[in-house]
Amino acid sequence: MKDEVKVVFGETWSGFEFAKVKKYKRKTGYRVDLVRRTWRGRYITLDSKQFETLEKVVDFLGKIISRNEVIRQLEEQGWIEVKELSEEEENAILEEVSEQ
């Protein structure tokens, strides 16, 4: 697993925006930097946040772009593993949710 991963948001009128997610080595948690790369090649940090779990990172980034897109990009770069559920497992989960 890499120490740092980039989640791409796409192009804007002023450049290219992405988030850098970095796992802390000594303390627990993750650092998220929202970065804009201008057309002139300059990098501007728009915001930095700290999160305890990767799930909170996905929720935060999911507010900016779709949650599924964030999960897909993290899975491609080896940060998380998305398990495919069998039909029986899906039905069991749906029954559990409908009972509540």
Protein backbone atom coordinates (compact mmCIF):
# COMPACT_ATOMS: atom_id res chain seq x y z
CA MET A 1 0.00 0.00 0.00
CA LYS A 2 1.27 3.46 -0.88
CA ASP A 3 1.74 6.17 1.74
CA GLU A 4 -0.14 8.69 -0.39
CA VAL A 5 -2.98 8.49 -2.91
CA LYS A 6 -4.55 11.11 -5.19
CA VAL A 7 -8.32 11.30 -5.70
CA VAL A 8 -8.98 13.25 -8.89
CA PHE A 9 -11.86 15.76 -9.05
CA GLY A 10 -11.21 16.96 -12.60
CA GLU A 11 -10.53 20.14 -14.52
CA THR A 12 -11.77 23.60 -13.56
CA TRP A 13 -11.54 26.93 -15.35
CA SER A 14 -8.33 27.75 -13.44
CA GLY A 15 -6.60 24.38 -13.47
CA PHE A 16 -6.93 20.84 -12.19
CA GLU A 17 -8.21 19.87 -8.71
CA PHE A 18 -7.52 16.76 -6.66
CA ALA A 19 -7.23 15.53 -3.08
CA LYS A 20 -4.09 13.97 -1.62
CA VAL A 21 -4.85 11.40 1.09
CA LYS A 22 -1.84 10.54 3.23
CA LYS A 23 -1.64 7.96 6.03
CA TYR A 24 0.25 9.10 9.09
CA LYS A 25 3.26 6.92 9.97
CA ARG A 26 3.48 7.48 13.71
CA LYS A 27 0.06 8.64 14.81
CA THR A 28 -3.21 7.07 13.72
CA GLY A 29 -5.35 8.62 11.06
CA TYR A 30 -5.19 10.29 7.68
CA ARG A 31 -4.47 13.76 6.31
CA VAL A 32 -6.48 15.08 3.37
CA ASP A 33 -5.15 18.02 1.34
CA LEU A 34 -7.40 19.61 -1.27
CA VAL A 35 -5.07 20.90 -4.00
CA ARG A 36 -5.46 22.91 -7.19
CA ARG A 37 -2.81 22.73 -9.90
CA THR A 38 -2.98 25.84 -12.05
CA TRP A 39 -2.34 25.89 -15.77
CA ARG A 40 1.03 27.54 -15.08
CA GLY A 41 2.15 24.52 -13.03
CA ARG A 42 1.72 26.04 -9.57
CA TYR A 43 0.18 23.98 -6.75
CA ILE A 44 -2.22 25.72 -4.35
CA THR A 45 -3.43 23.96 -1.18
CA LEU A 46 -7.08 24.92 -0.76
CA ASP A 47 -7.72 23.10 2.54
CA SER A 48 -6.25 20.45 4.85
CA LYS A 49 -8.16 18.17 7.20
CA GLN A 50 -7.36 15.26 9.52
CA PHE A 51 -9.51 12.16 9.98
CA GLU A 52 -9.28 9.13 12.26
CA THR A 53 -10.63 6.49 9.88
CA LEU A 54 -10.63 5.87 6.14
CA GLU A 55 -14.44 5.69 6.25
CA LYS A 56 -14.59 9.33 7.41
CA VAL A 57 -12.21 10.29 4.60
CA VAL A 58 -14.52 8.64 2.05
CA ASP A 59 -17.56 10.41 3.55
CA PHE A 60 -15.78 13.79 3.40
CA LEU A 61 -14.62 13.33 -0.19
CA GLY A 62 -18.05 11.95 -1.09
CA LYS A 63 -19.50 15.39 -0.33
CA ILE A 64 -17.30 16.83 -3.09
CA ILE A 65 -17.65 14.09 -5.71
CA SER A 66 -19.80 10.96 -5.68
CA ARG A 67 -19.02 8.46 -2.93
CA ASN A 68 -18.83 5.63 -5.50
CA GLU A 69 -16.18 7.50 -7.48
CA VAL A 70 -14.04 7.97 -4.34
CA ILE A 71 -14.33 4.28 -3.45
CA ARG A 72 -13.45 3.27 -7.04
CA GLN A 73 -10.32 5.44 -7.08
CA LEU A 74 -9.14 4.20 -3.65
CA GLU A 75 -9.74 0.59 -4.72
CA GLU A 76 -7.76 1.07 -7.96
CA GLN A 77 -4.75 2.33 -6.02
CA GLY A 78 -4.86 -0.53 -3.48
CA TRP A 79 -6.02 1.36 -0.40
CA ILE A 80 -9.26 -0.55 0.13
CA GLU A 81 -10.71 -3.85 -1.01
CA VAL A 82 -14.33 -3.94 -2.10
CA LYS A 83 -15.84 -7.36 -1.54
CA GLU A 84 -18.45 -8.58 -4.00
CA LEU A 85 -21.46 -10.00 -2.15
CA SER A 86 -23.26 -13.13 -3.21
CA GLU A 87 -27.02 -13.00 -3.78
CA GLU A 88 -27.65 -14.76 -0.45
CA GLU A 89 -25.53 -12.24 1.46
CA GLU A 90 -27.33 -9.32 -0.22
CA ASN A 91 -30.73 -10.80 0.67
CA ALA A 92 -29.67 -11.34 4.28
CA ILE A 93 -28.54 -7.72 4.57
CA LEU A 94 -31.76 -6.44 2.96
CA GLU A 95 -33.89 -8.52 5.37
CA GLU A 96 -31.89 -7.21 8.32
CA VAL A 97 -32.39 -3.61 7.23
CA SER A 98 -36.11 -4.05 6.52
CA GLU A 99 -36.67 -5.50 10.02
CA GLN A 100 -35.27 -2.35 11.63
